[in-house]
Amino acid sequence: MLEHYQQTTHSIALSFSDLSVWCFACDSYLDAQLIQQLRPFHETAYILKFGQAPPFRSVESSRVEDKPAMDVPSSS
């Protein structure tokens, strides 16, 4: 894949083994379920591999945030 990137400057590759998406230009993995332009490709690969549509995460569950703890009233 690296050789293909160097020859064509196609910077994104999808691994069929684990359906991960790698960006050679960024040198990092991309979240294909959150990046709207990648979602159709990821979904097609998932269907070809598993024979069914992938379960999609909601945007809210994909974000990592520190949220303040909420006070829970005691039952006594």
PDB file of N, CA and C in Angstrom:
ATOM      1  N   MET A   1       0.814  -1.196   0.000  1.00  0.00           N
ATOM      2  CA  MET A   1       0.000   0.000   0.000  1.00  0.00           C
ATOM      3  C   MET A   1       0.856   1.258   0.000  1.00  0.00           C
ATOM      4  N   LEU A   2       1.954   1.219   0.734  1.00  0.00           N
ATOM      5  CA  LEU A   2       2.821   2.391   0.787  1.00  0.00           C
ATOM      6  C   LEU A   2       3.363   2.718  -0.602  1.00  0.00           C
ATOM      7  N   GLU A   3       3.742   1.701  -1.349  1.00  0.00           N
ATOM      8  CA  GLU A   3       4.258   1.923  -2.704  1.00  0.00           C
ATOM      9  C   GLU A   3       3.182   2.557  -3.600  1.00  0.00           C
ATOM     10  N   HIS A   4       1.960   2.096  -3.488  1.00  0.00           N
ATOM     11  CA  HIS A   4       0.857   2.677  -4.268  1.00  0.00           C
ATOM     12  C   HIS A   4       0.682   4.155  -3.916  1.00  0.00           C
ATOM     13  N   TYR A   5       0.754   4.474  -2.628  1.00  0.00           N
ATOM     14  CA  TYR A   5       0.636   5.871  -2.197  1.00  0.00           C
ATOM     15  C   TYR A   5       1.757   6.717  -2.798  1.00  0.00           C
ATOM     16  N   GLN A   6       2.969   6.202  -2.758  1.00  0.00           N
ATOM     17  CA  GLN A   6       4.108   6.959  -3.271  1.00  0.00           C
ATOM     18  C   GLN A   6       4.011   7.182  -4.780  1.00  0.00           C
ATOM     19  N   GLN A   7       3.438   6.226  -5.497  1.00  0.00           N
ATOM     20  CA  GLN A   7       3.329   6.350  -6.951  1.00  0.00           C
ATOM     21  C   GLN A   7       2.131   7.188  -7.382  1.00  0.00           C
ATOM     22  N   THR A   8       1.048   7.176  -6.619  1.00  0.00           N
ATOM     23  CA  THR A   8      -0.190   7.810  -7.064  1.00  0.00           C
ATOM     24  C   THR A   8      -0.657   8.968  -6.189  1.00  0.00           C
ATOM     25  N   THR A   9      -0.110   9.116  -5.022  1.00  0.00           N
ATOM     26  CA  THR A   9      -0.542  10.046  -3.970  1.00  0.00           C
ATOM     27  C   THR A   9      -1.980   9.791  -3.525  1.00  0.00           C
ATOM     28  N   HIS A  10      -2.474   8.574  -3.722  1.00  0.00           N
ATOM     29  CA  HIS A  10      -3.744   8.162  -3.102  1.00  0.00           C
ATOM     30  C   HIS A  10      -3.403   7.903  -1.644  1.00  0.00           C
ATOM     31  N   SER A  11      -3.825   8.763  -0.766  1.00  0.00           N
ATOM     32  CA  SER A  11      -3.301   8.713   0.600  1.00  0.00           C
ATOM     33  C   SER A  11      -4.095   7.860   1.577  1.00  0.00           C
ATOM     34  N   ILE A  12      -5.277   7.359   1.200  1.00  0.00           N
ATOM     35  CA  ILE A  12      -6.103   6.602   2.143  1.00  0.00           C
ATOM     36  C   ILE A  12      -6.203   5.149   1.703  1.00  0.00           C
ATOM     37  N   ALA A  13      -6.067   4.242   2.672  1.00  0.00           N
ATOM     38  CA  ALA A  13      -6.190   2.809   2.399  1.00  0.00           C
ATOM     39  C   ALA A  13      -7.129   2.187   3.419  1.00  0.00           C
ATOM     40  N   LEU A  14      -7.983   1.265   2.950  1.00  0.00           N
ATOM     41  CA  LEU A  14      -8.889   0.536   3.826  1.00  0.00           C
ATOM     42  C   LEU A  14      -8.397  -0.899   3.913  1.00  0.00           C
ATOM     43  N   SER A  15      -8.164  -1.372   5.117  1.00  0.00           N
ATOM     44  CA  SER A  15      -7.736  -2.752   5.331  1.00  0.00           C
ATOM     45  C   SER A  15      -8.966  -3.643   5.400  1.00  0.00           C
ATOM     46  N   PHE A  16      -9.025  -4.640   4.522  1.00  0.00           N
ATOM     47  CA  PHE A  16     -10.176  -5.536   4.539  1.00  0.00           C
ATOM     48  C   PHE A  16     -10.107  -6.495   5.723  1.00  0.00           C
ATOM     49  N   SER A  17      -8.919  -6.711   6.283  1.00  0.00           N
ATOM     50  CA  SER A  17      -8.799  -7.650   7.410  1.00  0.00           C
ATOM     51  C   SER A  17      -9.499  -7.136   8.661  1.00  0.00           C
ATOM     52  N   ASP A  18      -9.347  -5.850   8.975  1.00  0.00           N
ATOM     53  CA  ASP A  18     -10.005  -5.311  10.176  1.00  0.00           C
ATOM     54  C   ASP A  18     -10.852  -4.071   9.885  1.00  0.00           C
ATOM     55  N   LEU A  19     -10.987  -3.724   8.611  1.00  0.00           N
ATOM     56  CA  LEU A  19     -11.789  -2.585   8.150  1.00  0.00           C
ATOM     57  C   LEU A  19     -11.308  -1.245   8.709  1.00  0.00           C
ATOM     58  N   SER A  20     -10.031  -1.187   9.058  1.00  0.00           N
ATOM     59  CA  SER A  20      -9.462   0.083   9.504  1.00  0.00           C
ATOM     60  C   SER A  20      -9.094   0.917   8.281  1.00  0.00           C
ATOM     61  N   VAL A  21      -9.076   2.224   8.459  1.00  0.00           N
ATOM     62  CA  VAL A  21      -8.726   3.151   7.385  1.00  0.00           C
ATOM     63  C   VAL A  21      -7.477   3.906   7.814  1.00  0.00           C
ATOM     64  N   TRP A  22      -6.445   3.854   6.982  1.00  0.00           N
ATOM     65  CA  TRP A  22      -5.172   4.501   7.271  1.00  0.00           C
ATOM     66  C   TRP A  22      -4.947   5.640   6.294  1.00  0.00           C
ATOM     67  N   CYS A  23      -4.499   6.767   6.801  1.00  0.00           N
ATOM     68  CA  CYS A  23      -4.146   7.910   5.962  1.00  0.00           C
ATOM     69  C   CYS A  23      -2.630   8.063   5.975  1.00  0.00           C
ATOM     70  N   PHE A  24      -2.005   7.858   4.809  1.00  0.00           N
ATOM     71  CA  PHE A  24      -0.554   7.986   4.714  1.00  0.00           C
ATOM     72  C   PHE A  24      -0.120   9.440   4.857  1.00  0.00           C
ATOM     73  N   ALA A  25      -0.923  10.377   4.384  1.00  0.00           N
ATOM     74  CA  ALA A  25      -0.572  11.794   4.492  1.00  0.00           C
ATOM     75  C   ALA A  25      -0.566  12.253   5.949  1.00  0.00           C
ATOM     76  N   CYS A  26      -1.526  11.758   6.747  1.00  0.00           N
ATOM     77  CA  CYS A  26      -1.624  12.128   8.168  1.00  0.00           C
ATOM     78  C   CYS A  26      -0.800  11.213   9.062  1.00  0.00           C
ATOM     79  N   ASP A  27      -0.455  10.031   8.536  1.00  0.00           N
ATOM     80  CA  ASP A  27       0.257   9.009   9.298  1.00  0.00           C
ATOM     81  C   ASP A  27      -0.561   8.583  10.520  1.00  0.00           C
ATOM     82  N   SER A  28      -1.861   8.355  10.285  1.00  0.00           N
ATOM     83  CA  SER A  28      -2.733   7.947  11.383  1.00  0.00           C
ATOM     84  C   SER A  28      -3.975   7.235  10.849  1.00  0.00           C
ATOM     85  N   TYR A  29      -4.663   6.555  11.776  1.00  0.00           N
ATOM     86  CA  TYR A  29      -5.923   5.904  11.441  1.00  0.00           C
ATOM     87  C   TYR A  29      -7.040   6.939  11.425  1.00  0.00           C
ATOM     88  N   LEU A  30      -8.039   6.691  10.588  1.00  0.00           N
ATOM     89  CA  LEU A  30      -9.209   7.557  10.496  1.00  0.00           C
ATOM     90  C   LEU A  30     -10.433   6.786  10.969  1.00  0.00           C
ATOM     91  N   ASP A  31     -11.384   7.479  11.548  1.00  0.00           N
ATOM     92  CA  ASP A  31     -12.619   6.844  11.990  1.00  0.00           C
ATOM     93  C   ASP A  31     -13.630   6.925  10.850  1.00  0.00           C
ATOM     94  N   ALA A  32     -13.766   5.821  10.119  1.00  0.00           N
ATOM     95  CA  ALA A  32     -14.604   5.800   8.920  1.00  0.00           C
ATOM     96  C   ALA A  32     -16.083   5.945   9.227  1.00  0.00           C
ATOM     97  N   GLN A  33     -16.498   5.686  10.437  1.00  0.00           N
ATOM     98  CA  GLN A  33     -17.909   5.864  10.774  1.00  0.00           C
ATOM     99  C   GLN A  33     -18.237   7.318  11.091  1.00  0.00           C
ATOM    100  N   LEU A  34     -17.248   8.092  11.488  1.00  0.00           N
ATOM    101  CA  LEU A  34     -17.492   9.505  11.809  1.00  0.00           C
ATOM    102  C   LEU A  34     -17.233  10.441  10.635  1.00  0.00           C
ATOM    103  N   ILE A  35     -16.358  10.045   9.717  1.00  0.00           N
ATOM    104  CA  ILE A  35     -16.040  10.889   8.567  1.00  0.00           C
ATOM    105  C   ILE A  35     -17.041  10.562   7.464  1.00  0.00           C
ATOM    106  N   GLN A  36     -17.929  11.494   7.205  1.00  0.00           N
ATOM    107  CA  GLN A  36     -19.066  11.270   6.304  1.00  0.00           C
ATOM    108  C   GLN A  36     -18.642  10.746   4.936  1.00  0.00           C
ATOM    109  N   GLN A  37     -17.542  11.249   4.380  1.00  0.00           N
ATOM    110  CA  GLN A  37     -17.106  10.835   3.049  1.00  0.00           C
ATOM    111  C   GLN A  37     -16.615   9.388   3.026  1.00  0.00           C
ATOM    112  N   LEU A  38     -16.169   8.858   4.160  1.00  0.00           N
ATOM    113  CA  LEU A  38     -15.654   7.486   4.216  1.00  0.00           C
ATOM    114  C   LEU A  38     -16.727   6.463   4.550  1.00  0.00           C
ATOM    115  N   ARG A  39     -17.817   6.904   5.129  1.00  0.00           N
ATOM    116  CA  ARG A  39     -18.851   5.989   5.621  1.00  0.00           C
ATOM    117  C   ARG A  39     -19.370   5.022   4.552  1.00  0.00           C
ATOM    118  N   PRO A  40     -19.688   5.463   3.311  1.00  0.00           N
ATOM    119  CA  PRO A  40     -20.189   4.512   2.308  1.00  0.00           C
ATOM    120  C   PRO A  40     -19.176   3.417   1.959  1.00  0.00           C
ATOM    121  N   PHE A  41     -17.903   3.764   1.923  1.00  0.00           N
ATOM    122  CA  PHE A  41     -16.872   2.775   1.608  1.00  0.00           C
ATOM    123  C   PHE A  41     -16.726   1.762   2.739  1.00  0.00           C
ATOM    124  N   HIS A  42     -16.735   2.264   3.965  1.00  0.00           N
ATOM    125  CA  HIS A  42     -16.640   1.380   5.121  1.00  0.00           C
ATOM    126  C   HIS A  42     -17.849   0.452   5.179  1.00  0.00           C
ATOM    127  N   GLU A  43     -19.041   1.001   4.942  1.00  0.00           N
ATOM    128  CA  GLU A  43     -20.257   0.193   4.990  1.00  0.00           C
ATOM    129  C   GLU A  43     -20.247  -0.886   3.904  1.00  0.00           C
ATOM    130  N   THR A  44     -19.813  -0.538   2.697  1.00  0.00           N
ATOM    131  CA  THR A  44     -19.739  -1.521   1.613  1.00  0.00           C
ATOM    132  C   THR A  44     -18.758  -2.634   1.954  1.00  0.00           C
ATOM    133  N   ALA A  45     -17.591  -2.280   2.464  1.00  0.00           N
ATOM    134  CA  ALA A  45     -16.602  -3.293   2.845  1.00  0.00           C
ATOM    135  C   ALA A  45     -17.141  -4.180   3.959  1.00  0.00           C
ATOM    136  N   TYR A  46     -17.842  -3.597   4.907  1.00  0.00           N
ATOM    137  CA  TYR A  46     -18.425  -4.357   6.017  1.00  0.00           C
ATOM    138  C   TYR A  46     -19.454  -5.361   5.494  1.00  0.00           C
ATOM    139  N   ILE A  47     -20.314  -4.914   4.583  1.00  0.00           N
ATOM    140  CA  ILE A  47     -21.331  -5.802   4.007  1.00  0.00           C
ATOM    141  C   ILE A  47     -20.677  -6.929   3.219  1.00  0.00           C
ATOM    142  N   LEU A  48     -19.648  -6.615   2.443  1.00  0.00           N
ATOM    143  CA  LEU A  48     -18.944  -7.649   1.683  1.00  0.00           C
ATOM    144  C   LEU A  48     -18.277  -8.667   2.605  1.00  0.00           C
ATOM    145  N   LYS A  49     -17.786  -8.202   3.738  1.00  0.00           N
ATOM    146  CA  LYS A  49     -17.086  -9.097   4.667  1.00  0.00           C
ATOM    147  C   LYS A  49     -18.051  -9.901   5.534  1.00  0.00           C
ATOM    148  N   PHE A  50     -19.090  -9.263   6.067  1.00  0.00           N
ATOM    149  CA  PHE A  50     -19.957  -9.917   7.055  1.00  0.00           C
ATOM    150  C   PHE A  50     -21.365 -10.236   6.551  1.00  0.00           C
ATOM    151  N   GLY A  51     -21.743  -9.741   5.375  1.00  0.00           N
ATOM    152  CA  GLY A  51     -23.050 -10.046   4.822  1.00  0.00           C
ATOM    153  C   GLY A  51     -24.207  -9.287   5.441  1.00  0.00           C
ATOM    154  N   GLN A  52     -23.920  -8.253   6.194  1.00  0.00           N
ATOM    155  CA  GLN A  52     -24.967  -7.423   6.794  1.00  0.00           C
ATOM    156  C   GLN A  52     -24.416  -6.025   7.033  1.00  0.00           C
ATOM    157  N   ALA A  53     -25.326  -5.074   7.192  1.00  0.00           N
ATOM    158  CA  ALA A  53     -24.912  -3.691   7.428  1.00  0.00           C
ATOM    159  C   ALA A  53     -24.263  -3.565   8.803  1.00  0.00           C
ATOM    160  N   PRO A  54     -23.296  -2.667   8.931  1.00  0.00           N
ATOM    161  CA  PRO A  54     -22.623  -2.498  10.217  1.00  0.00           C
ATOM    162  C   PRO A  54     -23.503  -1.780  11.230  1.00  0.00           C
ATOM    163  N   PRO A  55     -23.278  -2.065  12.508  1.00  0.00           N
ATOM    164  CA  PRO A  55     -23.950  -1.262  13.534  1.00  0.00           C
ATOM    165  C   PRO A  55     -23.237   0.084  13.598  1.00  0.00           C
ATOM    166  N   PHE A  56     -23.971   1.168  13.555  1.00  0.00           N
ATOM    167  CA  PHE A  56     -23.345   2.488  13.596  1.00  0.00           C
ATOM    168  C   PHE A  56     -23.395   3.057  14.997  1.00  0.00           C
ATOM    169  N   ARG A  57     -22.279   3.671  15.384  1.00  0.00           N
ATOM    170  CA  ARG A  57     -22.219   4.370  16.664  1.00  0.00           C
ATOM    171  C   ARG A  57     -22.845   5.736  16.474  1.00  0.00           C
ATOM    172  N   SER A  58     -23.439   6.237  17.510  1.00  0.00           N
ATOM    173  CA  SER A  58     -23.931   7.612  17.443  1.00  0.00           C
ATOM    174  C   SER A  58     -22.748   8.545  17.629  1.00  0.00           C
ATOM    175  N   VAL A  59     -22.866   9.747  17.144  1.00  0.00           N
ATOM    176  CA  VAL A  59     -21.790  10.727  17.277  1.00  0.00           C
ATOM    177  C   VAL A  59     -21.505  10.979  18.744  1.00  0.00           C
ATOM    178  N   GLU A  60     -22.553  11.042  19.566  1.00  0.00           N
ATOM    179  CA  GLU A  60     -22.373  11.323  20.986  1.00  0.00           C
ATOM    180  C   GLU A  60     -21.546  10.241  21.672  1.00  0.00           C
ATOM    181  N   SER A  61     -21.755   8.979  21.319  1.00  0.00           N
ATOM    182  CA  SER A  61     -21.018   7.905  21.982  1.00  0.00           C
ATOM    183  C   SER A  61     -19.592   7.800  21.477  1.00  0.00           C
ATOM    184  N   SER A  62     -19.272   8.458  20.361  1.00  0.00           N
ATOM    185  CA  SER A  62     -17.932   8.399  19.808  1.00  0.00           C
ATOM    186  C   SER A  62     -17.020   9.466  20.375  1.00  0.00           C
ATOM    187  N   ARG A  63     -17.595  10.482  20.969  1.00  0.00           N
ATOM    188  CA  ARG A  63     -16.796  11.565  21.531  1.00  0.00           C
ATOM    189  C   ARG A  63     -16.321  11.188  22.920  1.00  0.00           C
ATOM    190  N   VAL A  64     -15.079  11.546  23.197  1.00  0.00           N
ATOM    191  CA  VAL A  64     -14.535  11.311  24.527  1.00  0.00           C
ATOM    192  C   VAL A  64     -14.498  12.652  25.232  1.00  0.00           C
ATOM    193  N   GLU A  65     -15.274  12.768  26.258  1.00  0.00           N
ATOM    194  CA  GLU A  65     -15.352  14.025  26.997  1.00  0.00           C
ATOM    195  C   GLU A  65     -15.305  13.744  28.488  1.00  0.00           C
ATOM    196  N   ASP A  66     -14.783  14.698  29.211  1.00  0.00           N
ATOM    197  CA  ASP A  66     -14.868  14.637  30.664  1.00  0.00           C
ATOM    198  C   ASP A  66     -16.130  15.373  31.056  1.00  0.00           C
ATOM    199  N   LYS A  67     -17.048  14.668  31.635  1.00  0.00           N
ATOM    200  CA  LYS A  67     -18.286  15.289  32.079  1.00  0.00           C
ATOM    201  C   LYS A  67     -18.289  15.314  33.597  1.00  0.00           C
ATOM    202  N   PRO A  68     -18.759  16.397  34.198  1.00  0.00           N
ATOM    203  CA  PRO A  68     -18.796  16.452  35.660  1.00  0.00           C
ATOM    204  C   PRO A  68     -19.764  15.412  36.209  1.00  0.00           C
ATOM    205  N   ALA A  69     -19.407  14.863  37.333  1.00  0.00           N
ATOM    206  CA  ALA A  69     -20.280  13.876  37.983  1.00  0.00           C
ATOM    207  C   ALA A  69     -21.536  14.565  38.459  1.00  0.00           C
ATOM    208  N   MET A  70     -22.642  13.881  38.323  1.00  0.00           N
ATOM    209  CA  MET A  70     -23.916  14.448  38.762  1.00  0.00           C
ATOM    210  C   MET A  70     -24.197  13.978  40.179  1.00  0.00           C
ATOM    211  N   ASP A  71     -24.736  14.883  40.985  1.00  0.00           N
ATOM    212  CA  ASP A  71     -25.131  14.498  42.338  1.00  0.00           C
ATOM    213  C   ASP A  71     -26.385  13.643  42.259  1.00  0.00           C
ATOM    214  N   VAL A  72     -26.347  12.531  42.933  1.00  0.00           N
ATOM    215  CA  VAL A  72     -27.500  11.639  42.969  1.00  0.00           C
ATOM    216  C   VAL A  72     -28.084  11.716  44.365  1.00  0.00           C
ATOM    217  N   PRO A  73     -29.359  12.094  44.477  1.00  0.00           N
ATOM    218  CA  PRO A  73     -29.951  12.187  45.820  1.00  0.00           C
ATOM    219  C   PRO A  73     -30.006  10.811  46.473  1.00  0.00           C
ATOM    220  N   SER A  74     -29.762  10.802  47.751  1.00  0.00           N
ATOM    221  CA  SER A  74     -29.818   9.525  48.468  1.00  0.00           C
ATOM    222  C   SER A  74     -31.269   9.113  48.662  1.00  0.00           C
ATOM    223  N   SER A  75     -31.480   7.814  48.804  1.00  0.00           N
ATOM    224  CA  SER A  75     -32.845   7.300  48.947  1.00  0.00           C
ATOM    225  C   SER A  75     -33.303   7.293  50.396  1.00  0.00           C
ATOM    226  N   SER A  76     -32.486   7.742  51.332  1.00  0.00           N
ATOM    227  CA  SER A  76     -32.891   7.722  52.749  1.00  0.00           C
ATOM    228  C   SER A  76     -33.463   9.021  53.222  1.00  0.00           C
TER     229      SER A  76
END
